[in-house]
Amino acid sequence: MLVGAGKYKDVDEPAPAFDAPTTHGRKTLEDYRGKWLVLFSHPADFTPVCTTEFIAFAKRHAD
């Protein structure tokens, strides 16, 4: 869940505006207008599920 979003979003709902620090500088939702974007959240680092999901996302990056 995005911090401050208030609830989980469904696939067909627009994402709320955000401004977040990343390893590539600050990013906003507006930076991705007109592009596909996956907003991914995980419950904890180094859990089996998040590890496999991160690997799957990396393999599909070119798509």
Protein backbone atom coordinates (compact mmCIF):
# COMPACT_ATOMS: atom_id res chain seq x y z
CA MET A 1 0.00 0.00 0.00
CA LEU A 2 1.30 3.45 -0.79
CA VAL A 3 1.90 5.42 2.36
CA GLY A 4 -0.98 7.78 2.88
CA ALA A 5 -3.09 6.18 0.15
CA GLY A 6 -5.70 5.05 2.66
CA LYS A 7 -6.49 1.69 1.04
CA TYR A 8 -5.17 -0.84 -1.39
CA LYS A 9 -5.74 -0.07 -5.05
CA ASP A 10 -7.31 -2.50 -7.51
CA VAL A 11 -5.71 -3.16 -10.90
CA ASP A 12 -8.31 -1.05 -12.70
CA GLU A 13 -8.01 1.96 -10.35
CA PRO A 14 -5.65 4.86 -11.01
CA ALA A 15 -2.66 5.08 -8.71
CA PRO A 16 -2.51 8.05 -6.34
CA ALA A 17 0.05 10.75 -7.05
CA PHE A 18 3.34 10.16 -5.26
CA ASP A 19 6.81 11.60 -4.84
CA ALA A 20 9.36 9.08 -3.57
CA PRO A 21 13.12 8.84 -3.09
CA THR A 22 14.71 6.03 -5.14
CA THR A 23 18.19 4.81 -5.98
CA HIS A 24 17.77 6.83 -9.21
CA GLY A 25 16.74 10.10 -7.56
CA ARG A 26 13.24 11.29 -6.71
CA LYS A 27 10.42 9.85 -8.81
CA THR A 28 6.80 10.85 -9.18
CA LEU A 29 3.85 9.12 -10.80
CA GLU A 30 3.89 11.89 -13.42
CA ASP A 31 7.38 10.73 -14.53
CA TYR A 32 5.70 7.62 -15.94
CA ARG A 33 2.76 9.20 -17.77
CA GLY A 34 2.10 7.26 -20.98
CA LYS A 35 4.28 4.33 -19.86
CA TRP A 36 3.57 0.99 -18.25
CA LEU A 37 4.40 1.02 -14.55
CA VAL A 38 4.35 -1.71 -11.91
CA LEU A 39 4.01 -0.48 -8.35
CA PHE A 40 5.33 -3.33 -6.23
CA SER A 41 5.26 -3.58 -2.47
CA HIS A 42 6.49 -6.38 -0.27
CA PRO A 43 5.97 -7.24 3.42
CA ALA A 44 9.63 -7.76 4.38
CA ASP A 45 13.10 -8.04 2.87
CA PHE A 46 14.67 -11.42 2.17
CA THR A 47 11.45 -13.43 2.26
CA PRO A 48 11.06 -16.22 -0.33
CA VAL A 49 8.05 -14.62 -2.02
CA CYS A 50 9.60 -11.20 -2.56
CA THR A 51 12.85 -12.75 -3.80
CA THR A 52 11.09 -14.77 -6.51
CA GLU A 53 8.88 -11.82 -7.47
CA PHE A 54 11.86 -9.47 -7.81
CA ILE A 55 13.63 -12.03 -10.03
CA ALA A 56 10.50 -12.41 -12.18
CA PHE A 57 10.22 -8.62 -12.58
CA ALA A 58 13.90 -8.39 -13.57
CA LYS A 59 13.45 -11.07 -16.23
CA ARG A 60 10.52 -9.14 -17.74
CA HIS A 61 12.22 -5.72 -17.64
CA ALA A 62 12.69 -5.57 -21.42
CA ASP A 63 8.98 -6.25 -21.98
